[in-house]
């Protein structure tokens, strides 16, 4: 049987203080993990996704690269069920090329995706 984890009390959060926080957001939060994963895909040659990101020359803008605070300011909290998507799949991670998207939308914006037209309606 797996023991359920109790929610962290406000008192415990205060004791932990800033050790587990980055600019007021918990390091384990979805938005912080997204920022870290984005950096890993682009700059860590040992990351499984590197070949599809950093290996293709995809970079992170200077504003976001070393500032989680700027990334958070520009993107806000990560909506539940959404992922970080580059609007231009060949473009870098930057405020005007990123948005929160569902997995369905993400799959439509893949390099390997083929579009087809039936009765004058194009689908991915």
PDB file of N, CA and C in Angstrom:
ATOM      1  N   UNK A   1       0.837  -1.175   0.000  1.00  0.00           N
ATOM      2  CA  UNK A   1       0.000   0.000   0.000  1.00  0.00           C
ATOM      3  C   UNK A   1       0.887   1.246   0.000  1.00  0.00           C
ATOM      4  N   UNK A   2       0.566   2.197  -0.825  1.00  0.00           N
ATOM      5  CA  UNK A   2       1.341   3.433  -0.890  1.00  0.00           C
ATOM      6  C   UNK A   2       0.728   4.447   0.056  1.00  0.00           C
ATOM      7  N   UNK A   3       1.568   5.014   0.907  1.00  0.00           N
ATOM      8  CA  UNK A   3       1.082   6.010   1.849  1.00  0.00           C
ATOM      9  C   UNK A   3       0.788   7.309   1.114  1.00  0.00           C
ATOM     10  N   UNK A   4      -0.329   7.917   1.458  1.00  0.00           N
ATOM     11  CA  UNK A   4      -0.678   9.190   0.846  1.00  0.00           C
ATOM     12  C   UNK A   4       0.117  10.305   1.516  1.00  0.00           C
ATOM     13  N   UNK A   5       0.522  11.239   0.730  1.00  0.00           N
ATOM     14  CA  UNK A   5       1.267  12.379   1.230  1.00  0.00           C
ATOM     15  C   UNK A   5       0.314  13.436   1.750  1.00  0.00           C
ATOM     16  N   UNK A   6       0.592  13.948   2.935  1.00  0.00           N
ATOM     17  CA  UNK A   6      -0.241  15.003   3.493  1.00  0.00           C
ATOM     18  C   UNK A   6       0.115  16.321   2.820  1.00  0.00           C
ATOM     19  N   UNK A   7      -0.876  17.188   2.605  1.00  0.00           N
ATOM     20  CA  UNK A   7      -0.563  18.499   2.044  1.00  0.00           C
ATOM     21  C   UNK A   7       0.366  19.259   2.993  1.00  0.00           C
ATOM     22  N   UNK A   8       1.243  20.054   2.439  1.00  0.00           N
ATOM     23  CA  UNK A   8       2.191  20.813   3.228  1.00  0.00           C
ATOM     24  C   UNK A   8       1.455  21.932   3.970  1.00  0.00           C
ATOM     25  N   UNK A   9       1.667  21.993   5.268  1.00  0.00           N
ATOM     26  CA  UNK A   9       1.016  23.042   6.053  1.00  0.00           C
ATOM     27  C   UNK A   9       1.695  24.379   5.812  1.00  0.00           C
ATOM     28  N   UNK A  10       0.988  25.451   6.097  1.00  0.00           N
ATOM     29  CA  UNK A  10       1.556  26.797   5.935  1.00  0.00           C
ATOM     30  C   UNK A  10       2.769  26.961   6.844  1.00  0.00           C
ATOM     31  N   UNK A  11       2.720  26.360   8.020  1.00  0.00           N
ATOM     32  CA  UNK A  11       3.847  26.452   8.953  1.00  0.00           C
ATOM     33  C   UNK A  11       5.088  25.784   8.365  1.00  0.00           C
ATOM     34  N   UNK A  12       4.903  24.622   7.756  1.00  0.00           N
ATOM     35  CA  UNK A  12       6.020  23.924   7.121  1.00  0.00           C
ATOM     36  C   UNK A  12       6.575  24.725   5.963  1.00  0.00           C
ATOM     37  N   UNK A  13       5.683  25.312   5.173  1.00  0.00           N
ATOM     38  CA  UNK A  13       6.132  26.144   4.058  1.00  0.00           C
ATOM     39  C   UNK A  13       6.992  27.299   4.549  1.00  0.00           C
ATOM     40  N   UNK A  14       6.582  27.902   5.669  1.00  0.00           N
ATOM     41  CA  UNK A  14       7.355  29.018   6.223  1.00  0.00           C
ATOM     42  C   UNK A  14       8.725  28.542   6.701  1.00  0.00           C
ATOM     43  N   UNK A  15       8.780  27.342   7.291  1.00  0.00           N
ATOM     44  CA  UNK A  15      10.057  26.800   7.774  1.00  0.00           C
ATOM     45  C   UNK A  15      11.009  26.541   6.610  1.00  0.00           C
ATOM     46  N   UNK A  16      10.464  26.029   5.536  1.00  0.00           N
ATOM     47  CA  UNK A  16      11.286  25.759   4.362  1.00  0.00           C
ATOM     48  C   UNK A  16      11.800  27.073   3.783  1.00  0.00           C
ATOM     49  N   UNK A  17      10.949  28.077   3.848  1.00  0.00           N
ATOM     50  CA  UNK A  17      11.341  29.405   3.377  1.00  0.00           C
ATOM     51  C   UNK A  17      11.667  29.419   1.904  1.00  0.00           C
ATOM     52  N   UNK A  18      12.692  30.154   1.551  1.00  0.00           N
ATOM     53  CA  UNK A  18      13.050  30.326   0.148  1.00  0.00           C
ATOM     54  C   UNK A  18      13.895  29.190  -0.406  1.00  0.00           C
ATOM     55  N   UNK A  19      14.238  28.217   0.425  1.00  0.00           N
ATOM     56  CA  UNK A  19      15.096  27.126  -0.048  1.00  0.00           C
ATOM     57  C   UNK A  19      14.471  26.382  -1.220  1.00  0.00           C
ATOM     58  N   UNK A  20      13.164  26.218  -1.194  1.00  0.00           N
ATOM     59  CA  UNK A  20      12.482  25.486  -2.262  1.00  0.00           C
ATOM     60  C   UNK A  20      11.709  26.397  -3.201  1.00  0.00           C
ATOM     61  N   UNK A  21      12.000  27.681  -3.158  1.00  0.00           N
ATOM     62  CA  UNK A  21      11.248  28.619  -3.982  1.00  0.00           C
ATOM     63  C   UNK A  21      12.171  29.345  -4.943  1.00  0.00           C
ATOM     64  N   UNK A  22      11.639  29.695  -6.078  1.00  0.00           N
ATOM     65  CA  UNK A  22      12.359  30.481  -7.066  1.00  0.00           C
ATOM     66  C   UNK A  22      11.412  31.599  -7.464  1.00  0.00           C
ATOM     67  N   UNK A  23      11.724  32.813  -7.075  1.00  0.00           N
ATOM     68  CA  UNK A  23      10.902  33.978  -7.394  1.00  0.00           C
ATOM     69  C   UNK A  23       9.452  33.783  -6.959  1.00  0.00           C
ATOM     70  N   UNK A  24       9.273  33.220  -5.752  1.00  0.00           N
ATOM     71  CA  UNK A  24       7.933  33.057  -5.205  1.00  0.00           C
ATOM     72  C   UNK A  24       7.177  31.850  -5.710  1.00  0.00           C
ATOM     73  N   UNK A  25       7.776  31.043  -6.569  1.00  0.00           N
ATOM     74  CA  UNK A  25       7.121  29.861  -7.121  1.00  0.00           C
ATOM     75  C   UNK A  25       7.909  28.635  -6.675  1.00  0.00           C
ATOM     76  N   UNK A  26       7.200  27.602  -6.239  1.00  0.00           N
ATOM     77  CA  UNK A  26       7.895  26.395  -5.803  1.00  0.00           C
ATOM     78  C   UNK A  26       8.642  25.757  -6.955  1.00  0.00           C
ATOM     79  N   UNK A  27       9.857  25.305  -6.699  1.00  0.00           N
ATOM     80  CA  UNK A  27      10.694  24.706  -7.739  1.00  0.00           C
ATOM     81  C   UNK A  27      10.070  23.456  -8.344  1.00  0.00           C
ATOM     82  N   UNK A  28       9.160  22.831  -7.621  1.00  0.00           N
ATOM     83  CA  UNK A  28       8.497  21.636  -8.141  1.00  0.00           C
ATOM     84  C   UNK A  28       7.241  21.989  -8.930  1.00  0.00           C
ATOM     85  N   UNK A  29       6.918  23.268  -9.060  1.00  0.00           N
ATOM     86  CA  UNK A  29       5.694  23.669  -9.754  1.00  0.00           C
ATOM     87  C   UNK A  29       5.806  23.355 -11.242  1.00  0.00           C
ATOM     88  N   UNK A  30       4.664  23.218 -11.882  1.00  0.00           N
ATOM     89  CA  UNK A  30       4.627  22.859 -13.300  1.00  0.00           C
ATOM     90  C   UNK A  30       5.352  23.894 -14.162  1.00  0.00           C
ATOM     91  N   UNK A  31       5.196  25.161 -13.857  1.00  0.00           N
ATOM     92  CA  UNK A  31       5.815  26.201 -14.678  1.00  0.00           C
ATOM     93  C   UNK A  31       7.338  26.178 -14.539  1.00  0.00           C
ATOM     94  N   UNK A  32       7.839  25.947 -13.346  1.00  0.00           N
ATOM     95  CA  UNK A  32       9.288  25.897 -13.135  1.00  0.00           C
ATOM     96  C   UNK A  32       9.886  24.665 -13.814  1.00  0.00           C
ATOM     97  N   UNK A  33       9.203  23.536 -13.699  1.00  0.00           N
ATOM     98  CA  UNK A  33       9.667  22.303 -14.345  1.00  0.00           C
ATOM     99  C   UNK A  33       9.663  22.482 -15.865  1.00  0.00           C
ATOM    100  N   UNK A  34       8.653  23.156 -16.408  1.00  0.00           N
ATOM    101  CA  UNK A  34       8.592  23.431 -17.845  1.00  0.00           C
ATOM    102  C   UNK A  34       9.797  24.250 -18.286  1.00  0.00           C
ATOM    103  N   UNK A  35      10.136  25.286 -17.520  1.00  0.00           N
ATOM    104  CA  UNK A  35      11.288  26.140 -17.837  1.00  0.00           C
ATOM    105  C   UNK A  35      12.584  25.325 -17.819  1.00  0.00           C
ATOM    106  N   UNK A  36      12.751  24.498 -16.796  1.00  0.00           N
ATOM    107  CA  UNK A  36      13.963  23.658 -16.694  1.00  0.00           C
ATOM    108  C   UNK A  36      14.040  22.668 -17.855  1.00  0.00           C
ATOM    109  N   UNK A  37      12.917  22.039 -18.193  1.00  0.00           N
ATOM    110  CA  UNK A  37      12.902  21.065 -19.290  1.00  0.00           C
ATOM    111  C   UNK A  37      13.219  21.725 -20.626  1.00  0.00           C
ATOM    112  N   UNK A  38      12.708  22.933 -20.826  1.00  0.00           N
ATOM    113  CA  UNK A  38      12.995  23.676 -22.054  1.00  0.00           C
ATOM    114  C   UNK A  38      14.507  23.888 -22.181  1.00  0.00           C
ATOM    115  N   UNK A  39      15.147  24.276 -21.101  1.00  0.00           N
ATOM    116  CA  UNK A  39      16.591  24.511 -21.118  1.00  0.00           C
ATOM    117  C   UNK A  39      17.354  23.215 -21.379  1.00  0.00           C
ATOM    118  N   UNK A  40      16.903  22.122 -20.787  1.00  0.00           N
ATOM    119  CA  UNK A  40      17.558  20.832 -20.985  1.00  0.00           C
ATOM    120  C   UNK A  40      17.477  20.391 -22.449  1.00  0.00           C
ATOM    121  N   UNK A  41      16.303  20.534 -23.060  1.00  0.00           N
ATOM    122  CA  UNK A  41      16.128  20.125 -24.459  1.00  0.00           C
ATOM    123  C   UNK A  41      17.026  20.919 -25.397  1.00  0.00           C
ATOM    124  N   UNK A  42      17.261  22.179 -25.068  1.00  0.00           N
ATOM    125  CA  UNK A  42      18.036  23.044 -25.959  1.00  0.00           C
ATOM    126  C   UNK A  42      19.545  22.995 -25.723  1.00  0.00           C
ATOM    127  N   UNK A  43      19.984  22.725 -24.497  1.00  0.00           N
ATOM    128  CA  UNK A  43      21.405  22.891 -24.197  1.00  0.00           C
ATOM    129  C   UNK A  43      22.114  21.679 -23.609  1.00  0.00           C
ATOM    130  N   UNK A  44      21.387  20.646 -23.216  1.00  0.00           N
ATOM    131  CA  UNK A  44      22.015  19.458 -22.639  1.00  0.00           C
ATOM    132  C   UNK A  44      22.093  18.357 -23.703  1.00  0.00           C
ATOM    133  N   UNK A  45      23.289  18.128 -24.231  1.00  0.00           N
ATOM    134  CA  UNK A  45      23.475  17.137 -25.296  1.00  0.00           C
ATOM    135  C   UNK A  45      23.106  15.723 -24.852  1.00  0.00           C
ATOM    136  N   UNK A  46      23.043  15.475 -23.548  1.00  0.00           N
ATOM    137  CA  UNK A  46      22.672  14.156 -23.038  1.00  0.00           C
ATOM    138  C   UNK A  46      21.160  13.996 -22.871  1.00  0.00           C
ATOM    139  N   UNK A  47      20.400  15.068 -23.075  1.00  0.00           N
ATOM    140  CA  UNK A  47      18.949  15.010 -22.947  1.00  0.00           C
ATOM    141  C   UNK A  47      18.370  14.271 -24.152  1.00  0.00           C
ATOM    142  N   UNK A  48      17.401  13.414 -23.916  1.00  0.00           N
ATOM    143  CA  UNK A  48      16.818  12.602 -24.982  1.00  0.00           C
ATOM    144  C   UNK A  48      16.199  13.458 -26.086  1.00  0.00           C
ATOM    145  N   UNK A  49      15.718  14.644 -25.752  1.00  0.00           N
ATOM    146  CA  UNK A  49      15.100  15.501 -26.753  1.00  0.00           C
ATOM    147  C   UNK A  49      16.053  16.464 -27.439  1.00  0.00           C
ATOM    148  N   UNK A  50      17.323  16.451 -27.043  1.00  0.00           N
ATOM    149  CA  UNK A  50      18.276  17.423 -27.584  1.00  0.00           C
ATOM    150  C   UNK A  50      18.332  17.406 -29.113  1.00  0.00           C
ATOM    151  N   UNK A  51      18.318  16.235 -29.711  1.00  0.00           N
ATOM    152  CA  UNK A  51      18.451  16.146 -31.175  1.00  0.00           C
ATOM    153  C   UNK A  51      17.331  16.891 -31.894  1.00  0.00           C
ATOM    154  N   UNK A  52      16.160  16.994 -31.275  1.00  0.00           N
ATOM    155  CA  UNK A  52      15.025  17.670 -31.891  1.00  0.00           C
ATOM    156  C   UNK A  52      14.934  19.159 -31.534  1.00  0.00           C
ATOM    157  N   UNK A  53      15.802  19.605 -30.659  1.00  0.00           N
ATOM    158  CA  UNK A  53      15.765  21.000 -30.217  1.00  0.00           C
ATOM    159  C   UNK A  53      17.142  21.627 -30.396  1.00  0.00           C
ATOM    160  N   UNK A  54      17.992  21.510 -29.405  1.00  0.00           N
ATOM    161  CA  UNK A  54      19.336  22.085 -29.492  1.00  0.00           C
ATOM    162  C   UNK A  54      20.112  21.562 -30.676  1.00  0.00           C
ATOM    163  N   UNK A  55      19.943  20.303 -31.000  1.00  0.00           N
ATOM    164  CA  UNK A  55      20.623  19.703 -32.138  1.00  0.00           C
ATOM    165  C   UNK A  55      20.185  20.282 -33.467  1.00  0.00           C
ATOM    166  N   UNK A  56      19.003  20.876 -33.507  1.00  0.00           N
ATOM    167  CA  UNK A  56      18.495  21.541 -34.713  1.00  0.00           C
ATOM    168  C   UNK A  56      18.759  23.041 -34.671  1.00  0.00           C
ATOM    169  N   UNK A  57      19.420  23.508 -33.613  1.00  0.00           N
ATOM    170  CA  UNK A  57      19.728  24.931 -33.512  1.00  0.00           C
ATOM    171  C   UNK A  57      18.682  25.746 -32.776  1.00  0.00           C
ATOM    172  N   UNK A  58      17.693  25.085 -32.176  1.00  0.00           N
ATOM    173  CA  UNK A  58      16.672  25.804 -31.409  1.00  0.00           C
ATOM    174  C   UNK A  58      17.322  26.330 -30.127  1.00  0.00           C
ATOM    175  N   UNK A  59      17.130  27.622 -29.872  1.00  0.00           N
ATOM    176  CA  UNK A  59      17.713  28.272 -28.701  1.00  0.00           C
ATOM    177  C   UNK A  59      16.618  28.916 -27.860  1.00  0.00           C
ATOM    178  N   UNK A  60      17.033  29.444 -26.724  1.00  0.00           N
ATOM    179  CA  UNK A  60      16.140  30.183 -25.838  1.00  0.00           C
ATOM    180  C   UNK A  60      16.604  31.633 -25.851  1.00  0.00           C
ATOM    181  N   UNK A  61      15.670  32.565 -25.967  1.00  0.00           N
ATOM    182  CA  UNK A  61      16.033  33.982 -26.006  1.00  0.00           C
ATOM    183  C   UNK A  61      16.792  34.376 -24.724  1.00  0.00           C
ATOM    184  N   UNK A  62      17.609  35.400 -24.837  1.00  0.00           N
ATOM    185  CA  UNK A  62      18.397  35.869 -23.696  1.00  0.00           C
ATOM    186  C   UNK A  62      17.519  36.219 -22.504  1.00  0.00           C
ATOM    187  N   UNK A  63      16.349  36.775 -22.768  1.00  0.00           N
ATOM    188  CA  UNK A  63      15.454  37.191 -21.684  1.00  0.00           C
ATOM    189  C   UNK A  63      15.046  36.011 -20.807  1.00  0.00           C
ATOM    190  N   UNK A  64      14.876  34.838 -21.390  1.00  0.00           N
ATOM    191  CA  UNK A  64      14.424  33.670 -20.649  1.00  0.00           C
ATOM    192  C   UNK A  64      15.540  32.735 -20.205  1.00  0.00           C
ATOM    193  N   UNK A  65      16.640  32.720 -20.908  1.00  0.00           N
ATOM    194  CA  UNK A  65      17.654  31.697 -20.694  1.00  0.00           C
ATOM    195  C   UNK A  65      18.097  31.580 -19.242  1.00  0.00           C
ATOM    196  N   UNK A  66      18.437  32.674 -18.619  1.00  0.00           N
ATOM    197  CA  UNK A  66      18.926  32.616 -17.242  1.00  0.00           C
ATOM    198  C   UNK A  66      18.003  33.313 -16.254  1.00  0.00           C
ATOM    199  N   UNK A  67      16.753  33.522 -16.650  1.00  0.00           N
ATOM    200  CA  UNK A  67      15.815  34.193 -15.752  1.00  0.00           C
ATOM    201  C   UNK A  67      14.454  33.507 -15.767  1.00  0.00           C
ATOM    202  N   UNK A  68      14.257  32.649 -14.779  1.00  0.00           N
ATOM    203  CA  UNK A  68      12.939  32.044 -14.625  1.00  0.00           C
ATOM    204  C   UNK A  68      11.898  33.140 -14.399  1.00  0.00           C
ATOM    205  N   UNK A  69      12.277  34.167 -13.676  1.00  0.00           N
ATOM    206  CA  UNK A  69      11.352  35.263 -13.368  1.00  0.00           C
ATOM    207  C   UNK A  69      10.803  35.890 -14.661  1.00  0.00           C
ATOM    208  N   UNK A  70      11.675  36.129 -15.638  1.00  0.00           N
ATOM    209  CA  UNK A  70      11.218  36.701 -16.908  1.00  0.00           C
ATOM    210  C   UNK A  70      10.312  35.736 -17.663  1.00  0.00           C
ATOM    211  N   UNK A  71      10.679  34.454 -17.683  1.00  0.00           N
ATOM    212  CA  UNK A  71       9.851  33.442 -18.335  1.00  0.00           C
ATOM    213  C   UNK A  71       8.470  33.416 -17.696  1.00  0.00           C
ATOM    214  N   UNK A  72       8.436  33.415 -16.381  1.00  0.00           N
ATOM    215  CA  UNK A  72       7.172  33.371 -15.637  1.00  0.00           C
ATOM    216  C   UNK A  72       6.354  34.636 -15.887  1.00  0.00           C
ATOM    217  N   UNK A  73       7.018  35.770 -15.927  1.00  0.00           N
ATOM    218  CA  UNK A  73       6.336  37.041 -16.184  1.00  0.00           C
ATOM    219  C   UNK A  73       5.680  37.034 -17.573  1.00  0.00           C
ATOM    220  N   UNK A  74       6.369  36.496 -18.545  1.00  0.00           N
ATOM    221  CA  UNK A  74       5.858  36.484 -19.916  1.00  0.00           C
ATOM    222  C   UNK A  74       4.797  35.413 -20.157  1.00  0.00           C
ATOM    223  N   UNK A  75       4.958  34.238 -19.552  1.00  0.00           N
ATOM    224  CA  UNK A  75       4.061  33.111 -19.855  1.00  0.00           C
ATOM    225  C   UNK A  75       2.974  32.904 -18.798  1.00  0.00           C
ATOM    226  N   UNK A  76       3.185  33.383 -17.584  1.00  0.00           N
ATOM    227  CA  UNK A  76       2.203  33.175 -16.523  1.00  0.00           C
ATOM    228  C   UNK A  76       2.199  31.729 -16.060  1.00  0.00           C
ATOM    229  N   UNK A  77       1.245  31.394 -15.201  1.00  0.00           N
ATOM    230  CA  UNK A  77       1.140  30.018 -14.719  1.00  0.00           C
ATOM    231  C   UNK A  77       0.781  29.087 -15.862  1.00  0.00           C
ATOM    232  N   UNK A  78       1.277  27.873 -15.765  1.00  0.00           N
ATOM    233  CA  UNK A  78       0.973  26.862 -16.780  1.00  0.00           C
ATOM    234  C   UNK A  78      -0.455  26.359 -16.557  1.00  0.00           C
ATOM    235  N   UNK A  79      -1.332  26.544 -17.542  1.00  0.00           N
ATOM    236  CA  UNK A  79      -2.698  26.027 -17.381  1.00  0.00           C
ATOM    237  C   UNK A  79      -2.692  24.495 -17.318  1.00  0.00           C
ATOM    238  N   UNK A  80      -3.581  23.942 -16.549  1.00  0.00           N
ATOM    239  CA  UNK A  80      -3.678  22.490 -16.403  1.00  0.00           C
ATOM    240  C   UNK A  80      -3.945  21.848 -17.760  1.00  0.00           C
ATOM    241  N   UNK A  81      -3.187  20.820 -18.066  1.00  0.00           N
ATOM    242  CA  UNK A  81      -3.367  20.077 -19.300  1.00  0.00           C
ATOM    243  C   UNK A  81      -2.733  20.715 -20.524  1.00  0.00           C
ATOM    244  N   UNK A  82      -2.002  21.802 -20.330  1.00  0.00           N
ATOM    245  CA  UNK A  82      -1.397  22.494 -21.461  1.00  0.00           C
ATOM    246  C   UNK A  82       0.118  22.285 -21.464  1.00  0.00           C
ATOM    247  N   UNK A  83       0.715  22.489 -22.634  1.00  0.00           N
ATOM    248  CA  UNK A  83       2.155  22.364 -22.790  1.00  0.00           C
ATOM    249  C   UNK A  83       2.692  23.619 -23.465  1.00  0.00           C
ATOM    250  N   UNK A  84       3.984  23.834 -23.336  1.00  0.00           N
ATOM    251  CA  UNK A  84       4.629  24.978 -23.964  1.00  0.00           C
ATOM    252  C   UNK A  84       4.855  24.659 -25.438  1.00  0.00           C
ATOM    253  N   UNK A  85       4.331  25.499 -26.310  1.00  0.00           N
ATOM    254  CA  UNK A  85       4.451  25.259 -27.742  1.00  0.00           C
ATOM    255  C   UNK A  85       5.123  26.451 -28.421  1.00  0.00           C
ATOM    256  N   UNK A  86       6.027  26.128 -29.352  1.00  0.00           N
ATOM    257  CA  UNK A  86       6.586  27.167 -30.218  1.00  0.00           C
ATOM    258  C   UNK A  86       5.663  27.282 -31.419  1.00  0.00           C
ATOM    259  N   UNK A  87       5.175  28.466 -31.689  1.00  0.00           N
ATOM    260  CA  UNK A  87       4.242  28.700 -32.786  1.00  0.00           C
ATOM    261  C   UNK A  87       4.902  28.350 -34.117  1.00  0.00           C
ATOM    262  N   UNK A  88       6.112  28.855 -34.306  1.00  0.00           N
ATOM    263  CA  UNK A  88       6.928  28.475 -35.469  1.00  0.00           C
ATOM    264  C   UNK A  88       7.833  27.350 -34.999  1.00  0.00           C
ATOM    265  N   UNK A  89       7.564  26.149 -35.464  1.00  0.00           N
ATOM    266  CA  UNK A  89       8.291  24.970 -35.010  1.00  0.00           C
ATOM    267  C   UNK A  89       9.800  25.065 -35.241  1.00  0.00           C
ATOM    268  N   UNK A  90      10.226  25.886 -36.181  1.00  0.00           N
ATOM    269  CA  UNK A  90      11.656  26.052 -36.450  1.00  0.00           C
ATOM    270  C   UNK A  90      12.234  27.262 -35.735  1.00  0.00           C
ATOM    271  N   UNK A  91      11.405  27.987 -34.999  1.00  0.00           N
ATOM    272  CA  UNK A  91      11.854  29.182 -34.295  1.00  0.00           C
ATOM    273  C   UNK A  91      12.318  28.884 -32.884  1.00  0.00           C
ATOM    274  N   UNK A  92      12.937  29.870 -32.285  1.00  0.00           N
ATOM    275  CA  UNK A  92      13.459  29.740 -30.923  1.00  0.00           C
ATOM    276  C   UNK A  92      12.350  29.927 -29.889  1.00  0.00           C
ATOM    277  N   UNK A  93      12.697  29.589 -28.651  1.00  0.00           N
ATOM    278  CA  UNK A  93      11.810  29.866 -27.528  1.00  0.00           C
ATOM    279  C   UNK A  93      11.957  31.344 -27.191  1.00  0.00           C
ATOM    280  N   UNK A  94      10.896  32.111 -27.402  1.00  0.00           N
ATOM    281  CA  UNK A  94      10.879  33.537 -27.093  1.00  0.00           C
ATOM    282  C   UNK A  94       9.421  33.954 -26.920  1.00  0.00           C
ATOM    283  N   UNK A  95       9.183  35.069 -26.243  1.00  0.00           N
ATOM    284  CA  UNK A  95       7.800  35.446 -25.927  1.00  0.00           C
ATOM    285  C   UNK A  95       6.860  35.488 -27.130  1.00  0.00           C
ATOM    286  N   UNK A  96       7.301  36.010 -28.274  1.00  0.00           N
ATOM    287  CA  UNK A  96       6.392  36.129 -29.408  1.00  0.00           C
ATOM    288  C   UNK A  96       6.287  34.845 -30.235  1.00  0.00           C
ATOM    289  N   UNK A  97       6.954  33.776 -29.808  1.00  0.00           N
ATOM    290  CA  UNK A  97       6.877  32.505 -30.532  1.00  0.00           C
ATOM    291  C   UNK A  97       6.397  31.363 -29.643  1.00  0.00           C
ATOM    292  N   UNK A  98       5.916  31.680 -28.444  1.00  0.00           N
ATOM    293  CA  UNK A  98       5.473  30.622 -27.529  1.00  0.00           C
ATOM    294  C   UNK A  98       4.074  30.892 -27.011  1.00  0.00           C
ATOM    295  N   UNK A  99       3.368  29.805 -26.769  1.00  0.00           N
ATOM    296  CA  UNK A  99       2.035  29.881 -26.187  1.00  0.00           C
ATOM    297  C   UNK A  99       1.758  28.571 -25.461  1.00  0.00           C
ATOM    298  N   UNK A 100       0.735  28.570 -24.639  1.00  0.00           N
ATOM    299  CA  UNK A 100       0.285  27.340 -24.002  1.00  0.00           C
ATOM    300  C   UNK A 100      -0.677  26.657 -24.966  1.00  0.00           C
ATOM    301  N   UNK A 101      -0.483  25.370 -25.191  1.00  0.00           N
ATOM    302  CA  UNK A 101      -1.307  24.637 -26.144  1.00  0.00           C
ATOM    303  C   UNK A 101      -1.655  23.261 -25.586  1.00  0.00           C
ATOM    304  N   UNK A 102      -2.760  22.730 -26.040  1.00  0.00           N
ATOM    305  CA  UNK A 102      -3.149  21.372 -25.641  1.00  0.00           C
ATOM    306  C   UNK A 102      -2.268  20.378 -26.405  1.00  0.00           C
ATOM    307  N   UNK A 103      -2.284  19.124 -25.965  1.00  0.00           N
ATOM    308  CA  UNK A 103      -1.520  18.091 -26.676  1.00  0.00           C
ATOM    309  C   UNK A 103      -2.020  17.947 -28.111  1.00  0.00           C
ATOM    310  N   UNK A 104      -3.320  18.104 -28.312  1.00  0.00           N
ATOM    311  CA  UNK A 104      -3.882  18.009 -29.662  1.00  0.00           C
ATOM    312  C   UNK A 104      -3.280  19.086 -30.552  1.00  0.00           C
ATOM    313  N   UNK A 105      -3.247  20.319 -30.043  1.00  0.00           N
ATOM    314  CA  UNK A 105      -2.650  21.414 -30.816  1.00  0.00           C
ATOM    315  C   UNK A 105      -1.169  21.162 -31.066  1.00  0.00           C
ATOM    316  N   UNK A 106      -0.472  20.646 -30.065  1.00  0.00           N
ATOM    317  CA  UNK A 106       0.952  20.346 -30.204  1.00  0.00           C
ATOM    318  C   UNK A 106       1.178  19.355 -31.351  1.00  0.00           C
ATOM    319  N   UNK A 107       0.356  18.344 -31.413  1.00  0.00           N
ATOM    320  CA  UNK A 107       0.530  17.320 -32.446  1.00  0.00           C
ATOM    321  C   UNK A 107       0.292  17.872 -33.847  1.00  0.00           C
ATOM    322  N   UNK A 108      -0.524  18.893 -33.951  1.00  0.00           N
ATOM    323  CA  UNK A 108      -0.760  19.521 -35.259  1.00  0.00           C
ATOM    324  C   UNK A 108       0.437  20.344 -35.713  1.00  0.00           C
ATOM    325  N   UNK A 109       1.300  20.710 -34.773  1.00  0.00           N
ATOM    326  CA  UNK A 109       2.428  21.590 -35.093  1.00  0.00           C
ATOM    327  C   UNK A 109       3.761  20.835 -35.083  1.00  0.00           C
ATOM    328  N   UNK A 110       3.752  19.604 -35.512  1.00  0.00           N
ATOM    329  CA  UNK A 110       4.988  18.817 -35.558  1.00  0.00           C
ATOM    330  C   UNK A 110       5.570  18.828 -36.963  1.00  0.00           C
ATOM    331  N   UNK A 111       6.892  18.733 -37.031  1.00  0.00           N
ATOM    332  CA  UNK A 111       7.568  18.712 -38.336  1.00  0.00           C
ATOM    333  C   UNK A 111       7.108  17.537 -39.184  1.00  0.00           C
ATOM    334  N   UNK A 112       6.880  16.399 -38.561  1.00  0.00           N
ATOM    335  CA  UNK A 112       6.528  15.195 -39.309  1.00  0.00           C
ATOM    336  C   UNK A 112       5.050  15.159 -39.718  1.00  0.00           C
ATOM    337  N   UNK A 113       4.295  16.130 -39.254  1.00  0.00           N
ATOM    338  CA  UNK A 113       2.864  16.150 -39.535  1.00  0.00           C
ATOM    339  C   UNK A 113       2.595  16.528 -40.987  1.00  0.00           C
ATOM    340  N   UNK A 114       1.705  15.808 -41.623  1.00  0.00           N
ATOM    341  CA  UNK A 114       1.301  16.101 -42.997  1.00  0.00           C
ATOM    342  C   UNK A 114      -0.109  16.660 -43.001  1.00  0.00           C
ATOM    343  N   UNK A 115      -0.320  17.680 -43.805  1.00  0.00           N
ATOM    344  CA  UNK A 115      -1.661  18.236 -43.933  1.00  0.00           C
ATOM    345  C   UNK A 115      -2.311  17.664 -45.184  1.00  0.00           C
ATOM    346  N   UNK A 116      -3.615  17.515 -45.139  1.00  0.00           N
ATOM    347  CA  UNK A 116      -4.344  17.020 -46.293  1.00  0.00           C
ATOM    348  C   UNK A 116      -5.611  17.863 -46.468  1.00  0.00           C
ATOM    349  N   UNK A 117      -6.104  17.916 -47.671  1.00  0.00           N
ATOM    350  CA  UNK A 117      -7.296  18.699 -47.968  1.00  0.00           C
ATOM    351  C   UNK A 117      -8.357  17.781 -48.558  1.00  0.00           C
ATOM    352  N   UNK A 118      -9.533  17.840 -47.955  1.00  0.00           N
ATOM    353  CA  UNK A 118     -10.696  17.085 -48.434  1.00  0.00           C
ATOM    354  C   UNK A 118     -11.852  18.067 -48.532  1.00  0.00           C
ATOM    355  N   UNK A 119     -12.441  18.134 -49.700  1.00  0.00           N
ATOM    356  CA  UNK A 119     -13.577  19.034 -49.920  1.00  0.00           C
ATOM    357  C   UNK A 119     -13.252  20.456 -49.468  1.00  0.00           C
ATOM    358  N   UNK A 120     -12.083  20.926 -49.878  1.00  0.00           N
ATOM    359  CA  UNK A 120     -11.608  22.280 -49.606  1.00  0.00           C
ATOM    360  C   UNK A 120     -11.375  22.604 -48.136  1.00  0.00           C
ATOM    361  N   UNK A 121     -11.276  21.593 -47.282  1.00  0.00           N
ATOM    362  CA  UNK A 121     -10.967  21.820 -45.873  1.00  0.00           C
ATOM    363  C   UNK A 121      -9.641  21.126 -45.579  1.00  0.00           C
ATOM    364  N   UNK A 122      -8.670  21.916 -45.096  1.00  0.00           N
ATOM    365  CA  UNK A 122      -7.358  21.380 -44.788  1.00  0.00           C
ATOM    366  C   UNK A 122      -7.285  20.988 -43.318  1.00  0.00           C
ATOM    367  N   UNK A 123      -6.791  19.779 -43.067  1.00  0.00           N
ATOM    368  CA  UNK A 123      -6.635  19.245 -41.714  1.00  0.00           C
ATOM    369  C   UNK A 123      -5.231  18.752 -41.509  1.00  0.00           C
ATOM    370  N   UNK A 124      -4.861  18.667 -40.255  1.00  0.00           N
ATOM    371  CA  UNK A 124      -3.544  18.140 -39.915  1.00  0.00           C
ATOM    372  C   UNK A 124      -3.683  16.763 -39.338  1.00  0.00           C
TER     373      UNK A 124
END
